[in-house]
């Protein structure tokens, strides 16, 4: 298994919108968070939106679920 992230970095640099889709339990939330963090570290403005009624994204980020935009600070 290769750990080379250059192809993912290229995709993040070139894309305006990335959508992760798939059946339940395949890692969409985890992948979305990882790509959002990498994009932010690459200097991109990142917005992460979830329509999951189970609130997994909010739980994974340790934030309260809300309908308003909120800033999440990156830890180094």
Protein backbone atom coordinates (compact mmCIF):
# COMPACT_ATOMS: atom_id res chain seq x y z
CA UNK A 1 0.00 0.00 0.00
CA UNK A 2 1.46 3.33 -1.07
CA UNK A 3 1.39 6.27 1.32
CA UNK A 4 2.19 8.78 -1.42
CA UNK A 5 -0.30 11.63 -1.06
CA UNK A 6 0.82 13.58 -4.13
CA UNK A 7 -2.15 12.47 -6.25
CA UNK A 8 -4.57 13.47 -3.48
CA UNK A 9 -2.77 16.80 -3.02
CA UNK A 10 -3.01 17.43 -6.78
CA UNK A 11 -6.75 16.68 -6.72
CA UNK A 12 -7.26 19.02 -3.75
CA UNK A 13 -5.26 21.81 -5.40
CA UNK A 14 -7.16 21.55 -8.70
CA UNK A 15 -10.70 21.00 -7.41
CA UNK A 16 -13.24 23.54 -6.22
CA UNK A 17 -15.72 20.96 -4.93
CA UNK A 18 -15.16 17.37 -3.84
CA UNK A 19 -18.08 15.12 -2.93
CA UNK A 20 -17.69 11.84 -1.05
CA UNK A 21 -20.51 9.37 -1.52
CA UNK A 22 -21.11 5.71 -0.85
CA UNK A 23 -23.02 3.26 1.27
CA UNK A 24 -22.92 3.41 5.04
CA UNK A 25 -19.81 2.44 6.95
CA UNK A 26 -17.26 2.85 4.16
CA UNK A 27 -15.33 5.78 5.68
CA UNK A 28 -16.89 8.83 4.00
CA UNK A 29 -16.77 10.95 7.16
CA UNK A 30 -13.19 9.97 7.98
CA UNK A 31 -12.06 10.52 4.38
CA UNK A 32 -13.84 13.87 4.17
CA UNK A 33 -12.22 15.13 7.37
CA UNK A 34 -8.78 13.96 6.26
CA UNK A 35 -9.13 15.65 2.86
CA UNK A 36 -10.45 18.84 4.47
CA UNK A 37 -7.50 18.98 6.86
CA UNK A 38 -5.00 18.34 4.09
CA UNK A 39 -6.66 20.96 1.87
CA UNK A 40 -6.51 23.51 4.70
CA UNK A 41 -2.85 22.71 5.33
CA UNK A 42 -2.24 23.27 1.61
CA UNK A 43 -3.70 26.76 1.99
CA UNK A 44 -7.14 26.10 0.51
CA UNK A 45 -10.29 27.61 1.98
CA UNK A 46 -12.27 24.59 3.12
CA UNK A 47 -15.92 24.11 3.87
CA UNK A 48 -17.08 20.73 5.12
CA UNK A 49 -20.78 19.95 4.94
CA UNK A 50 -22.63 16.84 6.04
CA UNK A 51 -26.23 15.85 5.44
CA UNK A 52 -25.88 12.76 7.66
CA UNK A 53 -28.80 12.65 10.12
CA UNK A 54 -26.61 10.62 12.51
CA UNK A 55 -24.38 13.69 13.19
CA UNK A 56 -21.14 11.71 12.79
CA UNK A 57 -19.19 14.65 11.34
CA UNK A 58 -19.97 16.89 14.30
CA UNK A 59 -19.11 14.07 16.70
CA UNK A 60 -15.84 13.32 14.90
CA UNK A 61 -14.80 16.98 14.98
CA UNK A 62 -15.90 17.44 18.59
CA UNK A 63 -18.26 20.29 17.74
CA UNK A 64 -21.93 20.95 18.35
CA UNK A 65 -24.23 20.37 15.40
CA UNK A 66 -25.78 23.52 14.06
CA UNK A 67 -27.21 25.14 10.97
CA UNK A 68 -24.75 28.04 11.04
CA UNK A 69 -21.20 28.06 9.72
CA UNK A 70 -18.56 27.70 12.41
CA UNK A 71 -14.80 27.93 12.31
CA UNK A 72 -12.80 24.92 13.48
CA UNK A 73 -9.21 25.70 14.43
CA UNK A 74 -6.49 23.34 13.24
CA UNK A 75 -4.13 22.02 15.87
CA UNK A 76 -0.53 21.66 14.84
